[in-house]
Amino acid sequence: MKLDLKPLLKRLHPFINLLRRDSVGIFLVIVAIIFGSLIWRIGTLTGAEPSQADLNERLKSVIRPRIDPKSIQKIQDLQAENVDIQSYFSDRDNPFQE
C-alpha cells in the first residue's frame, strides 16, 4: 500500500498560505483568547466562597491553646508590678520643637 502525499499537499496549500500570510493576526487572537480566559477564571475564583461543610471541617482541625494556671498567675503578677513610665516623659521638653 503506497501513500501519495501530493494530492493532500495540493489541498493543504491554500490553508498553509493563509497561515503564512495571517500568522501575526492568528497569534494575537490566540493570545487574546488565552488572556481573556485567564482574566475570566481569576474573576470567578475571587468571588468564590467556601461552603459551610469546608468551614466546619476547618474549625474542627483548629487546636485551641491551653495556658497553664501558673503561667496565668505569673502574667497577672507581672501586670500588677508594671510601672507606668508615661510619668517619666510628661515634663520633658521636645528638643525639635521651636
PDB file of N, CA and C in Angstrom:
ATOM      1  N   MET A   1       0.841  -1.166   0.000  1.00  0.00           N
ATOM      2  CA  MET A   1       0.000   0.000   0.000  1.00  0.00           C
ATOM      3  C   MET A   1       0.893   1.239   0.000  1.00  0.00           C
ATOM      4  N   LYS A   2       0.734   2.071  -0.991  1.00  0.00           N
ATOM      5  CA  LYS A   2       1.553   3.250  -1.149  1.00  0.00           C
ATOM      6  C   LYS A   2       0.693   4.488  -0.861  1.00  0.00           C
ATOM      7  N   LEU A   3       1.252   5.381  -0.058  1.00  0.00           N
ATOM      8  CA  LEU A   3       0.536   6.599   0.320  1.00  0.00           C
ATOM      9  C   LEU A   3       1.090   7.755  -0.501  1.00  0.00           C
ATOM     10  N   ASP A   4       0.212   8.409  -1.244  1.00  0.00           N
ATOM     11  CA  ASP A   4       0.631   9.524  -2.091  1.00  0.00           C
ATOM     12  C   ASP A   4       0.266  10.829  -1.399  1.00  0.00           C
ATOM     13  N   LEU A   5       1.272  11.650  -1.117  1.00  0.00           N
ATOM     14  CA  LEU A   5       1.066  12.889  -0.387  1.00  0.00           C
ATOM     15  C   LEU A   5       0.823  14.107  -1.278  1.00  0.00           C
ATOM     16  N   LYS A   6       1.072  13.983  -2.580  1.00  0.00           N
ATOM     17  CA  LYS A   6       0.936  15.142  -3.465  1.00  0.00           C
ATOM     18  C   LYS A   6      -0.489  15.688  -3.517  1.00  0.00           C
ATOM     19  N   PRO A   7      -1.521  14.852  -3.636  1.00  0.00           N
ATOM     20  CA  PRO A   7      -2.880  15.427  -3.642  1.00  0.00           C
ATOM     21  C   PRO A   7      -3.247  16.070  -2.294  1.00  0.00           C
ATOM     22  N   LEU A   8      -2.751  15.474  -1.250  1.00  0.00           N
ATOM     23  CA  LEU A   8      -3.023  16.032   0.076  1.00  0.00           C
ATOM     24  C   LEU A   8      -2.337  17.392   0.239  1.00  0.00           C
ATOM     25  N   LEU A   9      -1.116  17.518  -0.213  1.00  0.00           N
ATOM     26  CA  LEU A   9      -0.402  18.786  -0.145  1.00  0.00           C
ATOM     27  C   LEU A   9      -1.051  19.847  -1.029  1.00  0.00           C
ATOM     28  N   LYS A  10      -1.600  19.431  -2.182  1.00  0.00           N
ATOM     29  CA  LYS A  10      -2.295  20.387  -3.056  1.00  0.00           C
ATOM     30  C   LYS A  10      -3.519  20.965  -2.353  1.00  0.00           C
ATOM     31  N   ARG A  11      -4.215  20.138  -1.610  1.00  0.00           N
ATOM     32  CA  ARG A  11      -5.398  20.618  -0.900  1.00  0.00           C
ATOM     33  C   ARG A  11      -5.017  21.494   0.303  1.00  0.00           C
ATOM     34  N   LEU A  12      -3.907  21.197   0.945  1.00  0.00           N
ATOM     35  CA  LEU A  12      -3.475  21.962   2.106  1.00  0.00           C
ATOM     36  C   LEU A  12      -2.729  23.236   1.729  1.00  0.00           C
ATOM     37  N   HIS A  13      -2.310  23.365   0.488  1.00  0.00           N
ATOM     38  CA  HIS A  13      -1.520  24.519   0.067  1.00  0.00           C
ATOM     39  C   HIS A  13      -2.241  25.859   0.307  1.00  0.00           C
ATOM     40  N   PRO A  14      -3.533  26.030  -0.015  1.00  0.00           N
ATOM     41  CA  PRO A  14      -4.202  27.313   0.298  1.00  0.00           C
ATOM     42  C   PRO A  14      -4.277  27.590   1.808  1.00  0.00           C
ATOM     43  N   PHE A  15      -4.469  26.549   2.577  1.00  0.00           N
ATOM     44  CA  PHE A  15      -4.532  26.709   4.030  1.00  0.00           C
ATOM     45  C   PHE A  15      -3.164  27.121   4.590  1.00  0.00           C
ATOM     46  N   ILE A  16      -2.101  26.548   4.092  1.00  0.00           N
ATOM     47  CA  ILE A  16      -0.751  26.892   4.523  1.00  0.00           C
ATOM     48  C   ILE A  16      -0.429  28.333   4.134  1.00  0.00           C
ATOM     49  N   ASN A  17      -0.840  28.752   2.942  1.00  0.00           N
ATOM     50  CA  ASN A  17      -0.622  30.147   2.527  1.00  0.00           C
ATOM     51  C   ASN A  17      -1.372  31.120   3.439  1.00  0.00           C
ATOM     52  N   LEU A  18      -2.596  30.754   3.815  1.00  0.00           N
ATOM     53  CA  LEU A  18      -3.383  31.585   4.733  1.00  0.00           C
ATOM     54  C   LEU A  18      -2.670  31.712   6.072  1.00  0.00           C
ATOM     55  N   LEU A  19      -2.124  30.608   6.582  1.00  0.00           N
ATOM     56  CA  LEU A  19      -1.402  30.643   7.850  1.00  0.00           C
ATOM     57  C   LEU A  19      -0.154  31.513   7.760  1.00  0.00           C
ATOM     58  N   ARG A  20       0.558  31.434   6.659  1.00  0.00           N
ATOM     59  CA  ARG A  20       1.766  32.243   6.496  1.00  0.00           C
ATOM     60  C   ARG A  20       1.431  33.729   6.411  1.00  0.00           C
ATOM     61  N   ARG A  21       0.386  34.055   5.672  1.00  0.00           N
ATOM     62  CA  ARG A  21       0.026  35.451   5.451  1.00  0.00           C
ATOM     63  C   ARG A  21      -0.527  36.104   6.721  1.00  0.00           C
ATOM     64  N   ASP A  22      -1.355  35.381   7.456  1.00  0.00           N
ATOM     65  CA  ASP A  22      -2.035  35.944   8.625  1.00  0.00           C
ATOM     66  C   ASP A  22      -1.502  35.382   9.943  1.00  0.00           C
ATOM     67  N   SER A  23      -0.247  34.987   9.992  1.00  0.00           N
ATOM     68  CA  SER A  23       0.288  34.341  11.189  1.00  0.00           C
ATOM     69  C   SER A  23       0.313  35.293  12.394  1.00  0.00           C
ATOM     70  N   VAL A  24       0.611  36.562  12.178  1.00  0.00           N
ATOM     71  CA  VAL A  24       0.654  37.522  13.288  1.00  0.00           C
ATOM     72  C   VAL A  24      -0.748  37.734  13.853  1.00  0.00           C
ATOM     73  N   GLY A  25      -1.713  37.900  12.984  1.00  0.00           N
ATOM     74  CA  GLY A  25      -3.093  38.091  13.436  1.00  0.00           C
ATOM     75  C   GLY A  25      -3.623  36.868  14.169  1.00  0.00           C
ATOM     76  N   ILE A  26      -3.327  35.696  13.657  1.00  0.00           N
ATOM     77  CA  ILE A  26      -3.770  34.461  14.314  1.00  0.00           C
ATOM     78  C   ILE A  26      -3.109  34.336  15.683  1.00  0.00           C
ATOM     79  N   PHE A  27      -1.821  34.656  15.754  1.00  0.00           N
ATOM     80  CA  PHE A  27      -1.117  34.605  17.031  1.00  0.00           C
ATOM     81  C   PHE A  27      -1.740  35.566  18.035  1.00  0.00           C
ATOM     82  N   LEU A  28      -2.038  36.789  17.609  1.00  0.00           N
ATOM     83  CA  LEU A  28      -2.636  37.778  18.512  1.00  0.00           C
ATOM     84  C   LEU A  28      -4.018  37.344  18.984  1.00  0.00           C
ATOM     85  N   VAL A  29      -4.789  36.729  18.116  1.00  0.00           N
ATOM     86  CA  VAL A  29      -6.117  36.244  18.514  1.00  0.00           C
ATOM     87  C   VAL A  29      -5.978  35.131  19.548  1.00  0.00           C
ATOM     88  N   ILE A  30      -5.024  34.232  19.352  1.00  0.00           N
ATOM     89  CA  ILE A  30      -4.820  33.140  20.306  1.00  0.00           C
ATOM     90  C   ILE A  30      -4.381  33.689  21.656  1.00  0.00           C
ATOM     91  N   VAL A  31      -3.469  34.663  21.656  1.00  0.00           N
ATOM     92  CA  VAL A  31      -3.014  35.274  22.910  1.00  0.00           C
ATOM     93  C   VAL A  31      -4.167  35.996  23.596  1.00  0.00           C
ATOM     94  N   ALA A  32      -4.989  36.696  22.825  1.00  0.00           N
ATOM     95  CA  ALA A  32      -6.138  37.404  23.409  1.00  0.00           C
ATOM     96  C   ALA A  32      -7.127  36.416  24.034  1.00  0.00           C
ATOM     97  N   ILE A  33      -7.342  35.285  23.390  1.00  0.00           N
ATOM     98  CA  ILE A  33      -8.244  34.269  23.942  1.00  0.00           C
ATOM     99  C   ILE A  33      -7.679  33.700  25.241  1.00  0.00           C
ATOM    100  N   ILE A  34      -6.378  33.440  25.273  1.00  0.00           N
ATOM    101  CA  ILE A  34      -5.757  32.892  26.482  1.00  0.00           C
ATOM    102  C   ILE A  34      -5.851  33.890  27.628  1.00  0.00           C
ATOM    103  N   PHE A  35      -5.497  35.164  27.362  1.00  0.00           N
ATOM    104  CA  PHE A  35      -5.574  36.173  28.422  1.00  0.00           C
ATOM    105  C   PHE A  35      -7.011  36.415  28.868  1.00  0.00           C
ATOM    106  N   GLY A  36      -7.926  36.413  27.940  1.00  0.00           N
ATOM    107  CA  GLY A  36      -9.330  36.592  28.307  1.00  0.00           C
ATOM    108  C   GLY A  36      -9.826  35.474  29.195  1.00  0.00           C
ATOM    109  N   SER A  37      -9.451  34.243  28.870  1.00  0.00           N
ATOM    110  CA  SER A  37      -9.891  33.118  29.700  1.00  0.00           C
ATOM    111  C   SER A  37      -9.242  33.175  31.079  1.00  0.00           C
ATOM    112  N   LEU A  38      -7.981  33.605  31.153  1.00  0.00           N
ATOM    113  CA  LEU A  38      -7.330  33.733  32.461  1.00  0.00           C
ATOM    114  C   LEU A  38      -8.000  34.809  33.311  1.00  0.00           C
ATOM    115  N   ILE A  39      -8.306  35.935  32.713  1.00  0.00           N
ATOM    116  CA  ILE A  39      -8.963  37.016  33.453  1.00  0.00           C
ATOM    117  C   ILE A  39     -10.346  36.578  33.917  1.00  0.00           C
ATOM    118  N   TRP A  40     -11.074  35.880  33.059  1.00  0.00           N
ATOM    119  CA  TRP A  40     -12.398  35.389  33.443  1.00  0.00           C
ATOM    120  C   TRP A  40     -12.286  34.392  34.593  1.00  0.00           C
ATOM    121  N   ARG A  41     -11.314  33.493  34.547  1.00  0.00           N
ATOM    122  CA  ARG A  41     -11.140  32.477  35.595  1.00  0.00           C
ATOM    123  C   ARG A  41     -10.738  33.126  36.916  1.00  0.00           C
ATOM    124  N   ILE A  42      -9.855  34.110  36.867  1.00  0.00           N
ATOM    125  CA  ILE A  42      -9.459  34.812  38.087  1.00  0.00           C
ATOM    126  C   ILE A  42     -10.655  35.535  38.687  1.00  0.00           C
ATOM    127  N   GLY A  43     -11.475  36.129  37.836  1.00  0.00           N
ATOM    128  CA  GLY A  43     -12.669  36.819  38.318  1.00  0.00           C
ATOM    129  C   GLY A  43     -13.644  35.883  39.005  1.00  0.00           C
ATOM    130  N   THR A  44     -13.808  34.686  38.469  1.00  0.00           N
ATOM    131  CA  THR A  44     -14.723  33.729  39.104  1.00  0.00           C
ATOM    132  C   THR A  44     -14.144  33.195  40.405  1.00  0.00           C
ATOM    133  N   LEU A  45     -12.829  33.024  40.476  1.00  0.00           N
ATOM    134  CA  LEU A  45     -12.228  32.488  41.694  1.00  0.00           C
ATOM    135  C   LEU A  45     -12.163  33.513  42.820  1.00  0.00           C
ATOM    136  N   THR A  46     -12.061  34.801  42.491  1.00  0.00           N
ATOM    137  CA  THR A  46     -12.010  35.799  43.551  1.00  0.00           C
ATOM    138  C   THR A  46     -13.354  35.955  44.244  1.00  0.00           C
ATOM    139  N   GLY A  47     -14.422  35.663  43.569  1.00  0.00           N
ATOM    140  CA  GLY A  47     -15.744  35.778  44.177  1.00  0.00           C
ATOM    141  C   GLY A  47     -16.227  34.497  44.822  1.00  0.00           C
ATOM    142  N   ALA A  48     -15.424  33.438  44.773  1.00  0.00           N
ATOM    143  CA  ALA A  48     -15.853  32.146  45.314  1.00  0.00           C
ATOM    144  C   ALA A  48     -15.797  32.162  46.844  1.00  0.00           C
ATOM    145  N   GLU A  49     -16.797  31.606  47.465  1.00  0.00           N
ATOM    146  CA  GLU A  49     -16.868  31.487  48.914  1.00  0.00           C
ATOM    147  C   GLU A  49     -16.802  30.006  49.287  1.00  0.00           C
ATOM    148  N   PRO A  50     -16.167  29.673  50.406  1.00  0.00           N
ATOM    149  CA  PRO A  50     -16.125  28.268  50.816  1.00  0.00           C
ATOM    150  C   PRO A  50     -17.494  27.811  51.299  1.00  0.00           C
ATOM    151  N   SER A  51     -17.749  26.539  51.150  1.00  0.00           N
ATOM    152  CA  SER A  51     -19.036  26.001  51.597  1.00  0.00           C
ATOM    153  C   SER A  51     -19.034  25.867  53.116  1.00  0.00           C
ATOM    154  N   GLN A  52     -20.212  25.696  53.678  1.00  0.00           N
ATOM    155  CA  GLN A  52     -20.331  25.560  55.130  1.00  0.00           C
ATOM    156  C   GLN A  52     -19.642  24.295  55.608  1.00  0.00           C
ATOM    157  N   ALA A  53     -19.675  23.230  54.800  1.00  0.00           N
ATOM    158  CA  ALA A  53     -19.005  21.984  55.171  1.00  0.00           C
ATOM    159  C   ALA A  53     -17.493  22.191  55.264  1.00  0.00           C
ATOM    160  N   ASP A  54     -16.934  22.958  54.330  1.00  0.00           N
ATOM    161  CA  ASP A  54     -15.499  23.249  54.377  1.00  0.00           C
ATOM    162  C   ASP A  54     -15.146  24.059  55.627  1.00  0.00           C
ATOM    163  N   LEU A  55     -15.978  25.036  55.961  1.00  0.00           N
ATOM    164  CA  LEU A  55     -15.730  25.840  57.153  1.00  0.00           C
ATOM    165  C   LEU A  55     -15.790  24.988  58.419  1.00  0.00           C
ATOM    166  N   ASN A  56     -16.786  24.119  58.510  1.00  0.00           N
ATOM    167  CA  ASN A  56     -16.903  23.258  59.684  1.00  0.00           C
ATOM    168  C   ASN A  56     -15.715  22.317  59.802  1.00  0.00           C
ATOM    169  N   GLU A  57     -15.247  21.801  58.682  1.00  0.00           N
ATOM    170  CA  GLU A  57     -14.091  20.903  58.697  1.00  0.00           C
ATOM    171  C   GLU A  57     -12.842  21.626  59.180  1.00  0.00           C
ATOM    172  N   ARG A  58     -12.658  22.856  58.742  1.00  0.00           N
ATOM    173  CA  ARG A  58     -11.502  23.634  59.170  1.00  0.00           C
ATOM    174  C   ARG A  58     -11.586  23.989  60.658  1.00  0.00           C
ATOM    175  N   LEU A  59     -12.795  24.293  61.132  1.00  0.00           N
ATOM    176  CA  LEU A  59     -12.948  24.648  62.541  1.00  0.00           C
ATOM    177  C   LEU A  59     -12.690  23.452  63.448  1.00  0.00           C
ATOM    178  N   LYS A  60     -12.979  22.248  62.978  1.00  0.00           N
ATOM    179  CA  LYS A  60     -12.714  21.050  63.781  1.00  0.00           C
ATOM    180  C   LYS A  60     -11.217  20.813  63.934  1.00  0.00           C
ATOM    181  N   SER A  61     -10.435  21.228  62.953  1.00  0.00           N
ATOM    182  CA  SER A  61      -8.997  20.966  62.997  1.00  0.00           C
ATOM    183  C   SER A  61      -8.230  22.033  63.780  1.00  0.00           C
ATOM    184  N   VAL A  62      -8.911  23.087  64.237  1.00  0.00           N
ATOM    185  CA  VAL A  62      -8.244  24.141  64.994  1.00  0.00           C
ATOM    186  C   VAL A  62      -7.985  23.644  66.413  1.00  0.00           C
ATOM    187  N   ILE A  63      -6.734  23.767  66.855  1.00  0.00           N
ATOM    188  CA  ILE A  63      -6.375  23.357  68.206  1.00  0.00           C
ATOM    189  C   ILE A  63      -6.298  24.615  69.059  1.00  0.00           C
ATOM    190  N   ARG A  64      -7.113  24.649  70.084  1.00  0.00           N
ATOM    191  CA  ARG A  64      -7.133  25.819  70.957  1.00  0.00           C
ATOM    192  C   ARG A  64      -5.979  25.700  71.960  1.00  0.00           C
ATOM    193  N   PRO A  65      -5.253  26.781  72.157  1.00  0.00           N
ATOM    194  CA  PRO A  65      -4.111  26.716  73.083  1.00  0.00           C
ATOM    195  C   PRO A  65      -4.571  26.629  74.531  1.00  0.00           C
ATOM    196  N   ARG A  66      -3.819  25.882  75.306  1.00  0.00           N
ATOM    197  CA  ARG A  66      -4.098  25.751  76.737  1.00  0.00           C
ATOM    198  C   ARG A  66      -2.966  26.466  77.482  1.00  0.00           C
ATOM    199  N   ILE A  67      -3.355  27.299  78.435  1.00  0.00           N
ATOM    200  CA  ILE A  67      -2.376  28.040  79.217  1.00  0.00           C
ATOM    201  C   ILE A  67      -2.379  27.482  80.631  1.00  0.00           C
ATOM    202  N   ASP A  68      -1.200  27.208  81.106  1.00  0.00           N
ATOM    203  CA  ASP A  68      -1.018  26.676  82.447  1.00  0.00           C
ATOM    204  C   ASP A  68      -1.474  27.714  83.475  1.00  0.00           C
ATOM    205  N   PRO A  69      -2.218  27.314  84.520  1.00  0.00           N
ATOM    206  CA  PRO A  69      -2.659  28.286  85.536  1.00  0.00           C
ATOM    207  C   PRO A  69      -1.495  29.008  86.211  1.00  0.00           C
ATOM    208  N   LYS A  70      -0.337  28.350  86.348  1.00  0.00           N
ATOM    209  CA  LYS A  70       0.832  29.011  86.929  1.00  0.00           C
ATOM    210  C   LYS A  70       1.301  30.150  86.024  1.00  0.00           C
ATOM    211  N   SER A  71       1.244  29.938  84.734  1.00  0.00           N
ATOM    212  CA  SER A  71       1.647  30.982  83.790  1.00  0.00           C
ATOM    213  C   SER A  71       0.691  32.158  83.848  1.00  0.00           C
ATOM    214  N   ILE A  72      -0.589  31.872  83.983  1.00  0.00           N
ATOM    215  CA  ILE A  72      -1.584  32.949  84.092  1.00  0.00           C
ATOM    216  C   ILE A  72      -1.316  33.780  85.339  1.00  0.00           C
ATOM    217  N   GLN A  73      -1.017  33.103  86.437  1.00  0.00           N
ATOM    218  CA  GLN A  73      -0.729  33.815  87.683  1.00  0.00           C
ATOM    219  C   GLN A  73       0.532  34.664  87.546  1.00  0.00           C
ATOM    220  N   LYS A  74       1.548  34.133  86.880  1.00  0.00           N
ATOM    221  CA  LYS A  74       2.791  34.876  86.682  1.00  0.00           C
ATOM    222  C   LYS A  74       2.551  36.122  85.826  1.00  0.00           C
ATOM    223  N   ILE A  75       1.742  35.990  84.775  1.00  0.00           N
ATOM    224  CA  ILE A  75       1.421  37.136  83.917  1.00  0.00           C
ATOM    225  C   ILE A  75       0.662  38.192  84.703  1.00  0.00           C
ATOM    226  N   GLN A  76      -0.282  37.774  85.533  1.00  0.00           N
ATOM    227  CA  GLN A  76      -1.040  38.733  86.335  1.00  0.00           C
ATOM    228  C   GLN A  76      -0.148  39.425  87.366  1.00  0.00           C
ATOM    229  N   ASP A  77       0.800  38.690  87.934  1.00  0.00           N
ATOM    230  CA  ASP A  77       1.737  39.310  88.881  1.00  0.00           C
ATOM    231  C   ASP A  77       2.607  40.353  88.176  1.00  0.00           C
ATOM    232  N   LEU A  78       3.055  40.040  86.977  1.00  0.00           N
ATOM    233  CA  LEU A  78       3.876  40.990  86.227  1.00  0.00           C
ATOM    234  C   LEU A  78       3.082  42.232  85.847  1.00  0.00           C
ATOM    235  N   GLN A  79       1.805  42.039  85.523  1.00  0.00           N
ATOM    236  CA  GLN A  79       0.964  43.195  85.202  1.00  0.00           C
ATOM    237  C   GLN A  79       0.756  44.063  86.434  1.00  0.00           C
ATOM    238  N   ALA A  80       0.638  43.439  87.605  1.00  0.00           N
ATOM    239  CA  ALA A  80       0.437  44.205  88.832  1.00  0.00           C
ATOM    240  C   ALA A  80       1.682  45.010  89.184  1.00  0.00           C
ATOM    241  N   GLU A  81       2.869  44.482  88.866  1.00  0.00           N
ATOM    242  CA  GLU A  81       4.115  45.165  89.184  1.00  0.00           C
ATOM    243  C   GLU A  81       4.514  46.187  88.127  1.00  0.00           C
ATOM    244  N   ASN A  82       3.778  46.280  87.042  1.00  0.00           N
ATOM    245  CA  ASN A  82       4.131  47.170  85.948  1.00  0.00           C
ATOM    246  C   ASN A  82       4.067  48.625  86.402  1.00  0.00           C
ATOM    247  N   VAL A  83       5.121  49.374  86.105  1.00  0.00           N
ATOM    248  CA  VAL A  83       5.200  50.780  86.472  1.00  0.00           C
ATOM    249  C   VAL A  83       4.809  51.605  85.254  1.00  0.00           C
ATOM    250  N   ASP A  84       3.989  52.585  85.470  1.00  0.00           N
ATOM    251  CA  ASP A  84       3.569  53.440  84.374  1.00  0.00           C
ATOM    252  C   ASP A  84       4.708  54.397  84.040  1.00  0.00           C
ATOM    253  N   ILE A  85       5.338  54.212  82.886  1.00  0.00           N
ATOM    254  CA  ILE A  85       6.510  55.006  82.537  1.00  0.00           C
ATOM    255  C   ILE A  85       6.141  56.310  81.858  1.00  0.00           C
ATOM    256  N   GLN A  86       4.886  56.560  81.617  1.00  0.00           N
ATOM    257  CA  GLN A  86       4.488  57.816  80.994  1.00  0.00           C
ATOM    258  C   GLN A  86       4.815  59.008  81.896  1.00  0.00           C
ATOM    259  N   SER A  87       4.852  58.785  83.217  1.00  0.00           N
ATOM    260  CA  SER A  87       5.132  59.889  84.126  1.00  0.00           C
ATOM    261  C   SER A  87       6.558  60.397  83.966  1.00  0.00           C
ATOM    262  N   TYR A  88       7.471  59.575  83.509  1.00  0.00           N
ATOM    263  CA  TYR A  88       8.844  59.999  83.297  1.00  0.00           C
ATOM    264  C   TYR A  88       8.972  60.968  82.117  1.00  0.00           C
ATOM    265  N   PHE A  89       8.091  60.879  81.156  1.00  0.00           N
ATOM    266  CA  PHE A  89       8.221  61.665  79.942  1.00  0.00           C
ATOM    267  C   PHE A  89       7.255  62.845  79.876  1.00  0.00           C
ATOM    268  N   SER A  90       6.448  63.053  80.861  1.00  0.00           N
ATOM    269  CA  SER A  90       5.433  64.099  80.778  1.00  0.00           C
ATOM    270  C   SER A  90       6.041  65.509  80.870  1.00  0.00           C
ATOM    271  N   ASP A  91       7.112  65.705  81.625  1.00  0.00           N
ATOM    272  CA  ASP A  91       7.690  67.041  81.805  1.00  0.00           C
ATOM    273  C   ASP A  91       8.893  67.302  80.916  1.00  0.00           C
ATOM    274  N   ARG A  92       9.214  66.429  80.027  1.00  0.00           N
ATOM    275  CA  ARG A  92      10.373  66.629  79.154  1.00  0.00           C
ATOM    276  C   ARG A  92      10.051  67.614  78.048  1.00  0.00           C
ATOM    277  N   ASP A  93      11.029  68.391  77.679  1.00  0.00           N
ATOM    278  CA  ASP A  93      10.875  69.326  76.573  1.00  0.00           C
ATOM    279  C   ASP A  93      11.300  68.638  75.284  1.00  0.00           C
ATOM    280  N   ASN A  94      10.604  68.986  74.233  1.00  0.00           N
ATOM    281  CA  ASN A  94      10.927  68.412  72.930  1.00  0.00           C
ATOM    282  C   ASN A  94      12.056  69.250  72.313  1.00  0.00           C
ATOM    283  N   PRO A  95      13.242  68.689  72.078  1.00  0.00           N
ATOM    284  CA  PRO A  95      14.352  69.486  71.528  1.00  0.00           C
ATOM    285  C   PRO A  95      14.133  69.883  70.068  1.00  0.00           C
ATOM    286  N   PHE A  96      13.211  69.253  69.391  1.00  0.00           N
ATOM    287  CA  PHE A  96      12.981  69.550  67.985  1.00  0.00           C
ATOM    288  C   PHE A  96      11.884  70.584  67.779  1.00  0.00           C
ATOM    289  N   GLN A  97      11.227  70.957  68.838  1.00  0.00           N
ATOM    290  CA  GLN A  97      10.140  71.921  68.740  1.00  0.00           C
ATOM    291  C   GLN A  97      10.711  73.315  68.889  1.00  0.00           C
ATOM    292  N   GLU A  98      10.292  74.245  68.066  1.00  0.00           N
ATOM    293  CA  GLU A  98      10.814  75.606  68.117  1.00  0.00           C
ATOM    294  C   GLU A  98       9.885  76.521  68.874  1.00  0.00           C
TER     295      GLU A  98
END
